Amino acid sequence: QVQLVESGGGLVQPGGSLRLSCSASRSISSMFLMAWFRQAPGKQRELVAGISTGGPTTYSDSVKGRFTISRDNAANSVYLEMNSLKPEDTAVYYCKAVHREFGRFFDFWGQGTQVTVSS
């Protein structure tokens, strides 16, 4: 079991930047995957970015080149650097941890942090 707490959300103008943080209650070094998802009103939750244990990253096409995911295993934290923000980036952003054990995958979610991009 791991608890995840997101922070760093808020209101930002179009073109601005935000840095989201996800703090875990225990070590994330063995987590199979750490990821950020987002959910806008009336839409399904979607993957924004993910980073695996070995470091490879993946991004949705809509944020590629603007967002950067990183992990600090020593700090038990994952970050999402968001630049050139657009109104369509407005959503609740969730941190997810995926743990693999004995061939099974276990998902853990944070409570989310609101990001609003508006002038």
C-alpha atoms as a PDB file:
ATOM      1  CA  GLN A   1       0.000   0.000   0.000  1.00  0.00           C
ATOM      2  CA  VAL A   2       1.192   3.512  -0.784  1.00  0.00           C
ATOM      3  CA  GLN A   3      -0.453   6.889  -0.278  1.00  0.00           C
ATOM      4  CA  LEU A   4       0.090   9.584  -2.898  1.00  0.00           C
ATOM      5  CA  VAL A   5      -0.369  13.302  -2.318  1.00  0.00           C
ATOM      6  CA  GLU A   6      -0.342  15.776  -5.182  1.00  0.00           C
ATOM      7  CA  SER A   7       0.434  19.467  -4.860  1.00  0.00           C
ATOM      8  CA  GLY A   8       1.305  22.448  -7.006  1.00  0.00           C
ATOM      9  CA  GLY A   9      -1.941  23.000  -8.845  1.00  0.00           C
ATOM     10  CA  GLY A  10      -3.580  26.383  -9.222  1.00  0.00           C
ATOM     11  CA  LEU A  11      -4.706  29.095 -11.582  1.00  0.00           C
ATOM     12  CA  VAL A  12      -2.323  30.161 -14.329  1.00  0.00           C
ATOM     13  CA  GLN A  13      -2.630  32.291 -17.444  1.00  0.00           C
ATOM     14  CA  PRO A  14      -2.277  30.770 -20.912  1.00  0.00           C
ATOM     15  CA  GLY A  15       1.389  30.417 -21.777  1.00  0.00           C
ATOM     16  CA  GLY A  16       2.353  30.109 -18.144  1.00  0.00           C
ATOM     17  CA  SER A  17       4.007  27.288 -16.226  1.00  0.00           C
ATOM     18  CA  LEU A  18       3.289  25.091 -13.228  1.00  0.00           C
ATOM     19  CA  ARG A  19       5.168  22.306 -11.482  1.00  0.00           C
ATOM     20  CA  LEU A  20       3.142  19.520  -9.942  1.00  0.00           C
ATOM     21  CA  SER A  21       4.565  17.282  -7.242  1.00  0.00           C
ATOM     22  CA  CYS A  22       3.474  13.840  -6.112  1.00  0.00           C
ATOM     23  CA  SER A  23       4.783  12.692  -2.762  1.00  0.00           C
ATOM     24  CA  ALA A  24       4.586   8.999  -1.852  1.00  0.00           C
ATOM     25  CA  SER A  25       4.289   7.543   1.639  1.00  0.00           C
ATOM     26  CA  ARG A  26       7.015   5.014   0.929  1.00  0.00           C
ATOM     27  CA  SER A  27       9.800   4.272  -1.490  1.00  0.00           C
ATOM     28  CA  ILE A  28       8.927   4.503  -5.176  1.00  0.00           C
ATOM     29  CA  SER A  29      12.190   3.040  -6.424  1.00  0.00           C
ATOM     30  CA  SER A  30      10.561  -0.341  -6.964  1.00  0.00           C
ATOM     31  CA  MET A  31       7.369   1.012  -8.502  1.00  0.00           C
ATOM     32  CA  PHE A  32       6.871  -0.397 -11.988  1.00  0.00           C
ATOM     33  CA  LEU A  33       5.478   2.888 -13.232  1.00  0.00           C
ATOM     34  CA  MET A  34       4.744   6.375 -11.952  1.00  0.00           C
ATOM     35  CA  ALA A  35       2.372   8.472 -14.015  1.00  0.00           C
ATOM     36  CA  TRP A  36       0.266  11.586 -14.233  1.00  0.00           C
ATOM     37  CA  PHE A  37      -3.311  11.457 -15.482  1.00  0.00           C
ATOM     38  CA  ARG A  38      -5.841  14.225 -15.857  1.00  0.00           C
ATOM     39  CA  GLN A  39      -9.602  14.492 -16.048  1.00  0.00           C
ATOM     40  CA  ALA A  40     -11.457  17.476 -17.415  1.00  0.00           C
ATOM     41  CA  PRO A  41     -15.159  18.042 -16.666  1.00  0.00           C
ATOM     42  CA  GLY A  42     -17.317  15.699 -18.718  1.00  0.00           C
ATOM     43  CA  LYS A  43     -14.331  13.803 -20.080  1.00  0.00           C
ATOM     44  CA  GLN A  44     -12.639  10.521 -19.303  1.00  0.00           C
ATOM     45  CA  ARG A  45      -9.440  10.361 -17.310  1.00  0.00           C
ATOM     46  CA  GLU A  46      -6.471  10.300 -19.658  1.00  0.00           C
ATOM     47  CA  LEU A  47      -2.781   9.561 -19.415  1.00  0.00           C
ATOM     48  CA  VAL A  48      -0.598  12.666 -19.533  1.00  0.00           C
ATOM     49  CA  ALA A  49       2.863  11.247 -18.885  1.00  0.00           C
ATOM     50  CA  GLY A  50       4.514   8.190 -17.401  1.00  0.00           C
ATOM     51  CA  ILE A  51       7.975   7.177 -16.229  1.00  0.00           C
ATOM     52  CA  SER A  52       9.068   3.623 -15.621  1.00  0.00           C
ATOM     53  CA  THR A  53      11.527   2.223 -13.099  1.00  0.00           C
ATOM     54  CA  GLY A  54      14.381   2.346 -15.561  1.00  0.00           C
ATOM     55  CA  GLY A  55      13.660   5.909 -16.568  1.00  0.00           C
ATOM     56  CA  PRO A  56      11.981   5.690 -19.996  1.00  0.00           C
ATOM     57  CA  THR A  57       9.163   8.181 -20.358  1.00  0.00           C
ATOM     58  CA  THR A  58       6.003   8.434 -22.379  1.00  0.00           C
ATOM     59  CA  TYR A  59       3.779  11.411 -23.129  1.00  0.00           C
ATOM     60  CA  SER A  60       0.414  11.997 -24.692  1.00  0.00           C
ATOM     61  CA  ASP A  61       0.609  13.762 -28.033  1.00  0.00           C
ATOM     62  CA  SER A  62      -1.235  16.760 -26.626  1.00  0.00           C
ATOM     63  CA  VAL A  63       1.519  17.579 -24.108  1.00  0.00           C
ATOM     64  CA  LYS A  64       4.632  16.319 -25.893  1.00  0.00           C
ATOM     65  CA  GLY A  65       7.263  19.033 -25.991  1.00  0.00           C
ATOM     66  CA  ARG A  66       5.534  21.093 -23.300  1.00  0.00           C
ATOM     67  CA  PHE A  67       5.411  18.798 -20.249  1.00  0.00           C
ATOM     68  CA  THR A  68       8.253  16.915 -18.584  1.00  0.00           C
ATOM     69  CA  ILE A  69       7.882  14.100 -16.074  1.00  0.00           C
ATOM     70  CA  SER A  70      10.659  13.222 -13.664  1.00  0.00           C
ATOM     71  CA  ARG A  71      11.123  11.109 -10.572  1.00  0.00           C
ATOM     72  CA  ASP A  72      13.336  11.472  -7.523  1.00  0.00           C
ATOM     73  CA  ASN A  73      13.520   8.084  -5.848  1.00  0.00           C
ATOM     74  CA  ALA A  74      15.467   9.470  -2.887  1.00  0.00           C
ATOM     75  CA  ALA A  75      12.649  11.917  -2.197  1.00  0.00           C
ATOM     76  CA  ASN A  76       9.899   9.404  -2.988  1.00  0.00           C
ATOM     77  CA  SER A  77       8.490  11.955  -5.408  1.00  0.00           C
ATOM     78  CA  VAL A  78       7.416  12.414  -8.989  1.00  0.00           C
ATOM     79  CA  TYR A  79       7.094  15.742 -10.722  1.00  0.00           C
ATOM     80  CA  LEU A  80       5.341  17.162 -13.753  1.00  0.00           C
ATOM     81  CA  GLU A  81       6.809  20.323 -15.196  1.00  0.00           C
ATOM     82  CA  MET A  82       4.171  22.008 -17.362  1.00  0.00           C
ATOM     83  CA  ASN A  83       5.100  24.812 -19.725  1.00  0.00           C
ATOM     84  CA  SER A  84       3.240  26.762 -22.411  1.00  0.00           C
ATOM     85  CA  LEU A  85      -0.019  25.913 -20.729  1.00  0.00           C
ATOM     86  CA  LYS A  86      -3.229  26.112 -22.722  1.00  0.00           C
ATOM     87  CA  PRO A  87      -6.867  26.447 -21.604  1.00  0.00           C
ATOM     88  CA  GLU A  88      -7.429  22.859 -22.748  1.00  0.00           C
ATOM     89  CA  ASP A  89      -4.925  21.705 -20.121  1.00  0.00           C
ATOM     90  CA  THR A  90      -7.483  22.653 -17.459  1.00  0.00           C
ATOM     91  CA  ALA A  91      -8.291  19.530 -15.467  1.00  0.00           C
ATOM     92  CA  VAL A  92      -7.804  17.710 -12.197  1.00  0.00           C
ATOM     93  CA  TYR A  93      -4.386  16.086 -12.330  1.00  0.00           C
ATOM     94  CA  TYR A  94      -3.872  12.742 -10.613  1.00  0.00           C
ATOM     95  CA  CYS A  95      -0.717  10.888  -9.669  1.00  0.00           C
ATOM     96  CA  LYS A  96      -0.693   7.120 -10.140  1.00  0.00           C
ATOM     97  CA  ALA A  97       1.707   4.454  -8.960  1.00  0.00           C
ATOM     98  CA  VAL A  98       1.766   0.967 -10.424  1.00  0.00           C
ATOM     99  CA  HIS A  99       3.369  -1.777  -8.376  1.00  0.00           C
ATOM    100  CA  ARG A 100       4.120  -5.182  -9.847  1.00  0.00           C
ATOM    101  CA  GLU A 101       4.416  -8.196  -7.579  1.00  0.00           C
ATOM    102  CA  PHE A 102       4.252 -11.887  -8.396  1.00  0.00           C
ATOM    103  CA  GLY A 103       3.073 -11.081 -11.898  1.00  0.00           C
ATOM    104  CA  ARG A 104       0.169  -8.927 -10.748  1.00  0.00           C
ATOM    105  CA  PHE A 105      -0.222  -5.177 -11.031  1.00  0.00           C
ATOM    106  CA  PHE A 106      -1.574  -2.974  -8.259  1.00  0.00           C
ATOM    107  CA  ASP A 107      -2.689   0.619  -8.889  1.00  0.00           C
ATOM    108  CA  PHE A 108      -2.587   3.450  -6.361  1.00  0.00           C
ATOM    109  CA  TRP A 109      -4.026   6.938  -6.924  1.00  0.00           C
ATOM    110  CA  GLY A 110      -3.700  10.313  -5.311  1.00  0.00           C
ATOM    111  CA  GLN A 111      -6.632  12.596  -4.582  1.00  0.00           C
ATOM    112  CA  GLY A 112      -5.847  15.008  -7.419  1.00  0.00           C
ATOM    113  CA  THR A 113      -4.912  18.648  -7.752  1.00  0.00           C
ATOM    114  CA  GLN A 114      -6.808  21.208  -9.814  1.00  0.00           C
ATOM    115  CA  VAL A 115      -5.067  23.020 -12.656  1.00  0.00           C
ATOM    116  CA  THR A 116      -6.944  25.891 -14.271  1.00  0.00           C
ATOM    117  CA  VAL A 117      -5.546  27.721 -17.283  1.00  0.00           C
ATOM    118  CA  SER A 118      -7.447  30.927 -17.891  1.00  0.00           C
ATOM    119  CA  SER A 119      -6.916  34.601 -18.500  1.00  0.00           C
END
